[in-house]
Amino acid sequence: MRGVIIGSSTLSVMTARILLKRGHEVVIIEKDKERIESLTESLDCGVLHGDGS
């Protein structure tokens, strides 16, 4: 399954980790560039800079 998560709240990141652990593909859309940098270091998924709304 492929999933897109908008925003990187604690719940969003936990959900992404669970989905990745189960073998799913995940992309996170986030506005904050600094947050994107930390996510790319800690998660093995795609992260896009942008406004998900």
N, C-alpha and C. Protein backbone atom coordinates (compact mmCIF):
# COMPACT_ATOMS: atom_id res chain seq x y z
N MET A 1 0.84 -1.17 0.00
CA MET A 1 0.00 0.00 0.00
C MET A 1 0.89 1.24 0.00
N ARG A 2 0.41 2.30 -0.60
CA ARG A 2 1.10 3.58 -0.59
C ARG A 2 0.27 4.57 0.22
N GLY A 3 0.94 5.35 1.05
CA GLY A 3 0.22 6.30 1.87
C GLY A 3 0.87 7.67 1.85
N VAL A 4 0.05 8.71 1.92
CA VAL A 4 0.53 10.08 2.01
C VAL A 4 0.04 10.64 3.33
N ILE A 5 0.97 11.22 4.08
CA ILE A 5 0.64 11.83 5.37
C ILE A 5 0.92 13.31 5.26
N ILE A 6 -0.06 14.13 5.62
CA ILE A 6 0.09 15.57 5.56
C ILE A 6 0.40 16.08 6.96
N GLY A 7 1.57 16.72 7.09
CA GLY A 7 2.02 17.22 8.38
C GLY A 7 2.88 16.19 9.08
N SER A 8 3.65 16.66 10.05
CA SER A 8 4.58 15.75 10.74
C SER A 8 4.44 15.86 12.26
N SER A 9 3.23 15.79 12.72
CA SER A 9 3.00 15.77 14.17
C SER A 9 3.54 14.46 14.74
N THR A 10 3.57 14.36 16.04
CA THR A 10 4.03 13.14 16.69
C THR A 10 3.22 11.94 16.23
N LEU A 11 1.91 12.10 16.15
CA LEU A 11 1.04 11.01 15.70
C LEU A 11 1.32 10.64 14.24
N SER A 12 1.55 11.63 13.40
CA SER A 12 1.85 11.37 11.99
C SER A 12 3.14 10.57 11.83
N VAL A 13 4.16 10.95 12.58
CA VAL A 13 5.45 10.25 12.49
C VAL A 13 5.32 8.83 13.03
N MET A 14 4.58 8.65 14.11
CA MET A 14 4.36 7.31 14.65
C MET A 14 3.62 6.44 13.63
N THR A 15 2.62 7.00 12.99
CA THR A 15 1.87 6.27 11.96
C THR A 15 2.78 5.89 10.80
N ALA A 16 3.62 6.83 10.37
CA ALA A 16 4.56 6.55 9.28
C ALA A 16 5.50 5.41 9.66
N ARG A 17 6.01 5.43 10.88
CA ARG A 17 6.93 4.37 11.33
C ARG A 17 6.25 3.00 11.31
N ILE A 18 5.02 2.95 11.77
CA ILE A 18 4.27 1.69 11.78
C ILE A 18 4.06 1.19 10.35
N LEU A 19 3.64 2.08 9.46
CA LEU A 19 3.41 1.69 8.07
C LEU A 19 4.70 1.23 7.40
N LEU A 20 5.79 1.93 7.64
CA LEU A 20 7.08 1.54 7.06
C LEU A 20 7.52 0.18 7.59
N LYS A 21 7.32 -0.04 8.88
CA LYS A 21 7.70 -1.32 9.49
C LYS A 21 6.93 -2.48 8.86
N ARG A 22 5.71 -2.20 8.44
CA ARG A 22 4.87 -3.23 7.82
C ARG A 22 5.10 -3.36 6.31
N GLY A 23 6.06 -2.61 5.79
CA GLY A 23 6.43 -2.74 4.39
C GLY A 23 5.71 -1.83 3.42
N HIS A 24 5.00 -0.84 3.92
CA HIS A 24 4.27 0.08 3.05
C HIS A 24 5.16 1.24 2.62
N GLU A 25 4.78 1.90 1.54
CA GLU A 25 5.48 3.08 1.06
C GLU A 25 4.78 4.32 1.62
N VAL A 26 5.56 5.25 2.15
CA VAL A 26 4.99 6.43 2.79
C VAL A 26 5.67 7.69 2.26
N VAL A 27 4.87 8.73 2.05
CA VAL A 27 5.38 10.06 1.72
C VAL A 27 4.74 11.03 2.71
N ILE A 28 5.56 11.90 3.29
CA ILE A 28 5.07 12.92 4.22
C ILE A 28 5.21 14.28 3.55
N ILE A 29 4.15 15.09 3.62
CA ILE A 29 4.18 16.46 3.10
C ILE A 29 4.26 17.39 4.31
N GLU A 30 5.28 18.25 4.32
CA GLU A 30 5.53 19.12 5.47
C GLU A 30 5.94 20.51 5.00
N LYS A 31 5.49 21.55 5.72
CA LYS A 31 5.83 22.93 5.38
C LYS A 31 7.17 23.39 5.95
N ASP A 32 7.54 22.88 7.11
CA ASP A 32 8.73 23.34 7.83
C ASP A 32 10.00 22.65 7.31
N LYS A 33 10.90 23.43 6.71
CA LYS A 33 12.12 22.86 6.12
C LYS A 33 13.02 22.20 7.17
N GLU A 34 13.12 22.80 8.35
CA GLU A 34 13.95 22.21 9.41
C GLU A 34 13.38 20.87 9.85
N ARG A 35 12.10 20.78 9.94
CA ARG A 35 11.44 19.51 10.32
C ARG A 35 11.69 18.45 9.25
N ILE A 36 11.68 18.87 7.99
CA ILE A 36 11.94 17.93 6.90
C ILE A 36 13.33 17.33 7.04
N GLU A 37 14.32 18.16 7.36
CA GLU A 37 15.69 17.67 7.53
C GLU A 37 15.78 16.61 8.62
N SER A 38 15.11 16.84 9.74
CA SER A 38 15.15 15.86 10.82
C SER A 38 14.40 14.58 10.45
N LEU A 39 13.33 14.71 9.67
CA LEU A 39 12.57 13.53 9.26
C LEU A 39 13.37 12.66 8.30
N THR A 40 14.08 13.29 7.37
CA THR A 40 14.85 12.51 6.41
C THR A 40 15.98 11.75 7.08
N GLU A 41 16.46 12.24 8.22
CA GLU A 41 17.51 11.54 8.97
C GLU A 41 16.95 10.37 9.76
N SER A 42 15.69 10.46 10.18
CA SER A 42 15.15 9.44 11.08
C SER A 42 14.19 8.45 10.41
N LEU A 43 13.65 8.80 9.24
CA LEU A 43 12.69 7.92 8.56
C LEU A 43 13.17 7.58 7.16
N ASP A 44 12.90 6.36 6.74
CA ASP A 44 13.25 5.93 5.39
C ASP A 44 12.01 6.03 4.49
N CYS A 45 11.60 7.29 4.24
CA CYS A 45 10.44 7.51 3.39
C CYS A 45 10.62 8.82 2.64
N GLY A 46 9.74 9.07 1.69
CA GLY A 46 9.79 10.32 0.96
C GLY A 46 9.22 11.45 1.79
N VAL A 47 9.86 12.61 1.69
CA VAL A 47 9.37 13.80 2.39
C VAL A 47 9.36 14.95 1.38
N LEU A 48 8.21 15.58 1.23
CA LEU A 48 8.06 16.69 0.29
C LEU A 48 7.85 17.99 1.03
N HIS A 49 8.46 19.06 0.54
CA HIS A 49 8.24 20.38 1.12
C HIS A 49 7.03 21.00 0.43
N GLY A 50 6.02 21.32 1.20
CA GLY A 50 4.83 21.93 0.62
C GLY A 50 3.70 22.01 1.62
N ASP A 51 2.63 22.66 1.18
CA ASP A 51 1.43 22.81 1.99
C ASP A 51 0.42 21.75 1.54
N GLY A 52 0.09 20.85 2.41
CA GLY A 52 -0.80 19.75 2.07
C GLY A 52 -2.26 20.14 1.91
N SER A 53 -2.61 21.35 2.30
CA SER A 53 -4.01 21.76 2.16
C SER A 53 -4.21 22.29 0.78
